Amino acid sequence: MFAGVGQAAWWPNPHPLSGDPIEMLTFTPLEKPVSDIQATLNERGSRYGSFADQGRIEQNIKRAMQDSPNWEALPDDSKSALEMIATKVSRILKGDPEYDDSWRDIAGYAALIVNRLAA
């Protein structure tokens, strides 16, 4: 409903971070200091290599998937799972191929689709 119409709020589905507009002006999205973020980036860089290189591999995989005959017919969750798997594959190909977390993530995204198909 719009303001002045009925008793509903002016916005029917407020954003979970919404609040007092004045308070929102002071909201900062960074929960950790920048030095903590840089430490995370350094750790990920040492495990996965250059983000630019990994991104190039990832985007090439995604382009190949999107260029395939069944892409448009896939449900959104299947597309998302495949895109996340592409990210994990690119990390394996560019970074540490022995890091089991990437392999577990691939299995997890595939399992999400298998579970939906079995339901």
Protein backbone atom coordinates (compact mmCIF):
# COMPACT_ATOMS: atom_id res chain seq x y z
CA MET A 1 0.00 0.00 0.00
CA PHE A 2 1.05 3.57 -0.50
CA ALA A 3 1.38 6.16 2.26
CA GLY A 4 -1.98 7.46 3.31
CA VAL A 5 -3.85 4.42 1.99
CA GLY A 6 -5.01 2.06 4.72
CA GLN A 7 -2.81 1.18 7.68
CA ALA A 8 0.05 -0.46 5.82
CA ALA A 9 3.56 0.92 5.73
CA TRP A 10 4.53 2.94 2.69
CA TRP A 11 6.76 0.08 1.50
CA PRO A 12 5.17 -3.38 1.65
CA ASN A 13 8.36 -5.41 2.00
CA PRO A 14 11.10 -3.41 3.73
CA HIS A 15 14.71 -4.33 3.16
CA PRO A 16 16.12 -6.33 6.10
CA LEU A 17 18.66 -3.58 6.73
CA SER A 18 16.08 -0.82 6.61
CA GLY A 19 15.58 1.33 9.64
CA ASP A 20 15.53 4.91 10.70
CA PRO A 21 16.73 6.92 7.64
CA ILE A 22 19.01 9.05 9.81
CA GLU A 23 20.52 5.94 11.37
CA MET A 24 21.00 4.42 7.91
CA LEU A 25 23.18 7.37 6.90
CA THR A 26 25.77 6.25 9.46
CA PHE A 27 25.61 2.54 8.53
CA THR A 28 28.90 1.12 7.38
CA PRO A 29 28.94 -2.20 5.50
CA LEU A 30 32.46 -3.02 6.69
CA GLU A 31 32.16 -5.11 9.83
CA LYS A 32 35.88 -5.82 9.92
CA PRO A 33 38.67 -3.31 9.64
CA VAL A 34 40.22 -2.94 6.20
CA SER A 35 43.38 -4.63 7.47
CA ASP A 36 41.34 -7.79 8.23
CA ILE A 37 39.89 -7.71 4.72
CA GLN A 38 43.36 -7.32 3.22
CA ALA A 39 44.57 -10.27 5.31
CA THR A 40 41.73 -12.38 3.88
CA LEU A 41 42.58 -11.26 0.34
CA ASN A 42 46.25 -12.13 0.91
CA GLU A 43 45.33 -15.59 2.22
CA ARG A 44 43.00 -16.27 -0.71
CA GLY A 45 45.58 -14.99 -3.16
CA SER A 46 48.18 -17.37 -1.78
CA ARG A 47 45.74 -20.28 -2.13
CA TYR A 48 44.03 -19.42 -5.45
CA GLY A 49 46.53 -17.20 -7.21
CA SER A 50 45.78 -13.94 -8.96
CA PHE A 51 42.10 -12.99 -8.89
CA ALA A 52 42.38 -11.65 -12.44
CA ASP A 53 43.79 -14.96 -13.72
CA GLN A 54 41.27 -17.05 -11.80
CA GLY A 55 38.47 -14.78 -13.04
CA ARG A 56 39.55 -15.25 -16.66
CA ILE A 57 39.42 -19.03 -16.31
CA GLU A 58 36.07 -18.85 -14.52
CA GLN A 59 34.48 -16.61 -17.14
CA ASN A 60 35.73 -18.82 -19.97
CA ILE A 61 34.09 -21.84 -18.33
CA LYS A 62 30.86 -19.88 -17.81
CA ARG A 63 30.85 -18.68 -21.42
CA ALA A 64 31.18 -22.28 -22.61
CA MET A 65 28.27 -23.32 -20.39
CA GLN A 66 26.08 -20.45 -21.56
CA ASP A 67 26.89 -21.28 -25.18
CA SER A 68 25.62 -24.85 -24.84
CA PRO A 69 22.24 -25.98 -26.19
CA ASN A 70 20.52 -26.70 -22.87
CA TRP A 71 21.56 -23.57 -20.96
CA GLU A 72 18.41 -21.53 -21.52
CA ALA A 73 16.15 -24.45 -20.56
CA LEU A 74 17.87 -25.04 -17.21
CA PRO A 75 16.10 -23.90 -14.03
CA ASP A 76 17.77 -21.06 -12.16
CA ASP A 77 19.06 -23.29 -9.36
CA SER A 78 20.79 -25.55 -11.89
CA LYS A 79 22.38 -22.53 -13.58
CA SER A 80 23.53 -21.16 -10.24
CA ALA A 81 24.95 -24.52 -9.17
CA LEU A 82 26.86 -24.83 -12.44
CA GLU A 83 28.17 -21.26 -12.13
CA MET A 84 29.37 -21.92 -8.58
CA ILE A 85 30.97 -25.16 -9.74
CA ALA A 86 32.73 -23.15 -12.49
CA THR A 87 34.11 -20.85 -9.80
CA LYS A 88 35.39 -23.80 -7.80
CA VAL A 89 36.87 -25.49 -10.89
CA SER A 90 38.68 -22.28 -11.82
CA ARG A 91 40.13 -22.07 -8.32
CA ILE A 92 41.36 -25.67 -8.62
CA LEU A 93 42.88 -24.98 -12.05
CA LYS A 94 44.59 -21.73 -11.02
CA GLY A 95 45.28 -22.31 -7.35
CA ASP A 96 45.86 -25.20 -5.02
CA PRO A 97 44.38 -28.36 -6.62
CA GLU A 98 44.92 -30.29 -3.37
CA TYR A 99 42.70 -27.98 -1.29
CA ASP A 100 39.81 -30.32 -0.48
CA ASP A 101 37.37 -27.52 0.32
CA SER A 102 37.01 -26.68 -3.39
CA TRP A 103 36.24 -30.31 -4.22
CA ARG A 104 33.74 -30.55 -1.35
CA ASP A 105 32.01 -27.40 -2.55
CA ILE A 106 31.63 -28.88 -6.04
CA ALA A 107 30.07 -32.01 -4.54
CA GLY A 108 27.78 -29.86 -2.39
CA TYR A 109 26.44 -27.78 -5.28
CA ALA A 110 25.83 -30.94 -7.30
CA ALA A 111 24.08 -32.54 -4.31
CA LEU A 112 21.69 -29.59 -4.07
CA ILE A 113 20.46 -30.30 -7.59
CA VAL A 114 20.39 -34.07 -7.08
CA ASN A 115 18.27 -33.55 -3.97
CA ARG A 116 15.82 -31.34 -5.87
CA LEU A 117 15.57 -33.86 -8.69
CA ALA A 118 14.94 -36.69 -6.22
CA ALA A 119 12.20 -34.81 -4.35
